[in-house]
Amino acid sequence: LAALVACLLAHPGWAADAPLPPERVERMQNSFREAETKLTEEIAAKPEEVELYSRRGDARFFLGKFKDAVADYDEMVRLDPKLETSHWRRGIACFYAGDYD
């Protein structure tokens, strides 16, 4: 087991202190921006579709748009109230948005 852990930590992509290469970060950010734009268009066409708010909230979360992510997660709960007690992503987004209530 120790050898496996040592191998994993030695891998440059998995080392705790190894940041992602800037070009990969840019690709990921572009992907999330594109997803946010596309999902906003889809939500305009299907405003009652819970899954669209979930996916856009996730894209916004990964873009660092925490208040916008919370708004999408809140809309999910409004559309499907049974999600309220199990929506852990909303709690994390609230934390990063500085909303501790």
Protein backbone atom coordinates (compact mmCIF):
# COMPACT_ATOMS: atom_id res chain seq x y z
CA LEU A 1 0.00 0.00 0.00
CA ALA A 2 2.81 2.43 0.87
CA ALA A 3 4.41 1.79 -2.52
CA LEU A 4 1.13 2.54 -4.29
CA VAL A 5 0.69 5.81 -2.39
CA ALA A 6 4.31 6.76 -3.16
CA CYS A 7 3.74 6.10 -6.86
CA LEU A 8 0.56 8.14 -6.92
CA LEU A 9 2.19 11.07 -5.15
CA ALA A 10 5.19 10.91 -7.48
CA HIS A 11 2.97 11.24 -10.55
CA PRO A 12 3.29 14.89 -11.66
CA GLY A 13 -0.43 15.20 -12.37
CA TRP A 14 -1.41 13.99 -8.92
CA ALA A 15 1.13 15.63 -6.66
CA ALA A 16 -0.63 17.85 -4.15
CA ASP A 17 1.60 20.85 -4.86
CA ALA A 18 1.62 20.56 -8.66
CA PRO A 19 -0.76 23.09 -10.23
CA LEU A 20 -2.45 22.42 -13.52
CA PRO A 21 -0.63 23.75 -16.56
CA PRO A 22 -1.98 27.19 -17.53
CA GLU A 23 -3.15 25.98 -20.94
CA ARG A 24 -5.23 23.25 -19.31
CA VAL A 25 -6.76 25.73 -16.88
CA GLU A 26 -7.66 28.00 -19.81
CA ARG A 27 -9.28 25.10 -21.69
CA MET A 28 -11.31 24.17 -18.62
CA GLN A 29 -12.40 27.78 -18.05
CA ASN A 30 -13.43 28.11 -21.70
CA SER A 31 -15.42 24.89 -21.43
CA PHE A 32 -17.27 26.15 -18.35
CA ARG A 33 -17.95 29.54 -19.99
CA GLU A 34 -19.34 27.82 -23.08
CA ALA A 35 -21.49 25.55 -20.91
CA GLU A 36 -22.84 28.54 -18.97
CA THR A 37 -23.80 30.32 -22.20
CA LYS A 38 -25.41 27.24 -23.74
CA LEU A 39 -27.31 26.36 -20.56
CA THR A 40 -28.58 29.93 -20.21
CA GLU A 41 -30.05 29.61 -23.71
CA GLU A 42 -31.57 26.22 -22.86
CA ILE A 43 -33.07 27.60 -19.64
CA ALA A 44 -34.72 30.41 -21.62
CA ALA A 45 -36.44 27.73 -23.71
CA LYS A 46 -37.20 25.36 -20.80
CA PRO A 47 -37.37 27.42 -17.59
CA GLU A 48 -38.91 24.58 -15.55
CA GLU A 49 -36.15 22.05 -16.29
CA VAL A 50 -34.39 21.40 -12.96
CA GLU A 51 -31.40 19.61 -14.51
CA LEU A 52 -30.46 22.69 -16.54
CA TYR A 53 -30.15 24.81 -13.39
CA SER A 54 -28.08 22.08 -11.80
CA ARG A 55 -25.64 21.96 -14.68
CA ARG A 56 -25.42 25.74 -15.04
CA GLY A 57 -24.95 26.11 -11.29
CA ASP A 58 -22.05 23.67 -11.47
CA ALA A 59 -20.48 25.55 -14.41
CA ARG A 60 -20.83 28.82 -12.53
CA PHE A 61 -19.37 27.27 -9.40
CA PHE A 62 -16.26 26.16 -11.30
CA LEU A 63 -15.99 29.64 -12.84
CA GLY A 64 -15.91 31.13 -9.35
CA LYS A 65 -19.34 32.75 -9.79
CA PHE A 66 -20.51 31.51 -6.42
CA LYS A 67 -23.49 33.85 -5.93
CA ASP A 68 -24.78 32.96 -9.40
CA ALA A 69 -24.30 29.27 -8.61
CA VAL A 70 -26.31 29.70 -5.38
CA ALA A 71 -29.08 31.41 -7.38
CA ASP A 72 -29.24 28.44 -9.76
CA TYR A 73 -29.25 25.95 -6.90
CA ASP A 74 -31.99 27.98 -5.17
CA GLU A 75 -34.05 27.82 -8.36
CA MET A 76 -33.58 24.04 -8.41
CA VAL A 77 -35.00 23.84 -4.89
CA ARG A 78 -37.87 26.16 -5.80
CA LEU A 79 -38.74 23.93 -8.76
CA ASP A 80 -38.25 20.69 -6.81
CA PRO A 81 -38.53 21.33 -3.04
CA LYS A 82 -37.50 17.78 -2.12
CA LEU A 83 -33.94 18.74 -3.16
CA GLU A 84 -33.60 21.23 -0.31
CA THR A 85 -32.33 18.91 2.42
CA SER A 86 -29.82 17.06 0.25
CA HIS A 87 -28.37 19.89 -1.81
CA TRP A 88 -24.77 19.92 -0.61
CA ARG A 89 -23.45 21.87 -3.63
CA ARG A 90 -25.60 24.82 -2.61
CA GLY A 91 -24.02 24.82 0.84
CA ILE A 92 -20.51 24.80 -0.59
CA ALA A 93 -21.35 27.62 -3.01
CA CYS A 94 -22.87 29.65 -0.15
CA PHE A 95 -19.66 29.21 1.82
CA TYR A 96 -17.48 30.48 -1.02
CA ALA A 97 -19.95 33.33 -1.71
CA GLY A 98 -19.51 34.42 1.93
CA ASP A 99 -23.13 33.61 2.83
CA TYR A 100 -22.84 31.79 6.13
CA ASP A 101 -26.52 31.96 7.18
